[in-house]
Amino acid sequence: MDYLRFLRANWPFLLAGFLLTFTSSYGQTYFISLFAGEIKADFDLTDGQWGGIYTVGTTASALAMIWAGVLTDRFRVRVLALGVMLALAAACMAMSINTSWILLMGVIFALRLTGQGMMSQLGAVAMVRWFEATRGKALSLSSMGFAAGQAILPVVFVALFAVVHWRMLWVLAAALVLITIPILLMLLRQERTPQSMAAEAQIAGMDGQHWTRGQMLRSGLFFLMIPMIVGPSAWGTALLFQQVHLTQVKGWELVAYVGLMPIYTVSSVLSTFLSGWAIDRFGVSRIVPFQMLPFAASFAVLTFADTIFMAGVGLVIFGVGQGLQATGSSTFWAEYYGTRHIGSIKSVAAALMVFGSAIGPGITGVLIDFGINFPDQMLPIAVYYLFAAGLATIGIVRYRPTLGR
């Protein structure tokens, strides 16, 4: 009932947040990778070359976000969203007309920066700026735009492949972005600005300290956690990026495979809420060591999956891991390093995750070029997740006593 009352009282702003996160879809890996087969064919690219182009574009967008992300602190959401969405629409149009593989790197850069980068950033910043006392509810509801995009857009666009040329589908994507702009501006006719800043209790971390970013970077716990930070982003992005190749090797229809995305999304959403309850009930220290296990299990299942049903089982388990990662990681940084400098601390984790999303497609693409199909790479990836879980467990066991609670 609290959520229903909250929705009724704040629906214009929550819908605006939803639209911001939903529109980020056109720059997300799961959307761009739908066109991998057509892009490789039109540009005469191998899997490794396509993965390399994607890696370069994504890495450049991550570097640019260090500067571009600051703009969200200087401009109202209404003003900045207009500029970003126009740029995103232009990037979609550029993909529809570009014929140069060199310029393709620039197109990927623009899609990733405006879509995956800035639209996601705007969605989060908007909720934090507009809601002080109910920030958590606002973030959880607006983030459903990510889930909706992942559940709906792949199914729709793959179905359209049968009747519409892939380049025209990017024109459609641009049109959808442009159509969203007046809706968003209407919702934000009177953009909410908090009248006062809510006082937030600051909770200390290990040894009763509020750790700075420099102190964190010199701590042993941080280095033990790096594989856990990078892995889900690197190999999860690769799983989405290589979905066309995966279905070809497995002999599955692409439309049937992407039709599994809604159940993966449902699994991820349910896991997000359940893991949040588990963290409140048992503590993040008891959850973090298990975060990597669903990822390991999902890649093991997908390695040996020979039917689309088993692919669905693997994706459902993968969704469980995504839900655990979404809640566990954010809570971990605050619990172990304190909340006073949590923004600068989490920015390091975000940079590592972006780095992971850049290298995952590149590494798997090069291995495919060397004759190692992605399904054959999945078992070693599962072992990586187990290795990351082991290091995280060592870190928790070693440093948990320093929490003093």
Foldseek 3Di string as FASTA:
>chain_A
DVLVVVCVVQVLLLVLLLLLLLLLLQLALLNVLLCVVVVCVLQVHFLLLVLQLLLLLLLVLLVVLVVVLCVPVVDPLLVVVVVLLLQLLVLLLCQLPDRHPVCVSVSSNSSCNSRVNPSNSSSLSLLVFQDAPPSVSSSLSSNCSNLVNLQPVSLVVVVCVVPDPPSVVSNVSSVVSVVVSVSSCVSVVPRHGDPDHDDDDWFAAFLRHQAAQVRLVPDPLNVLQLLVLLQCLQQVSQCSNCLVLLCVVLVHDSSLLSNLRNLLSVLLSVLLVVLVVVCVVPNLLVLLLCLLLLVLVLLVQSLPDNDSVSPSVSSSSSSNSNSSCVPSVLVVCCHHNMDPNSVVNVVVSVSSSSSSNSVNSNVQSVVVVVVQGPSNCSNVSSVSSNSSSVSNNVSSVVRVVSSVD
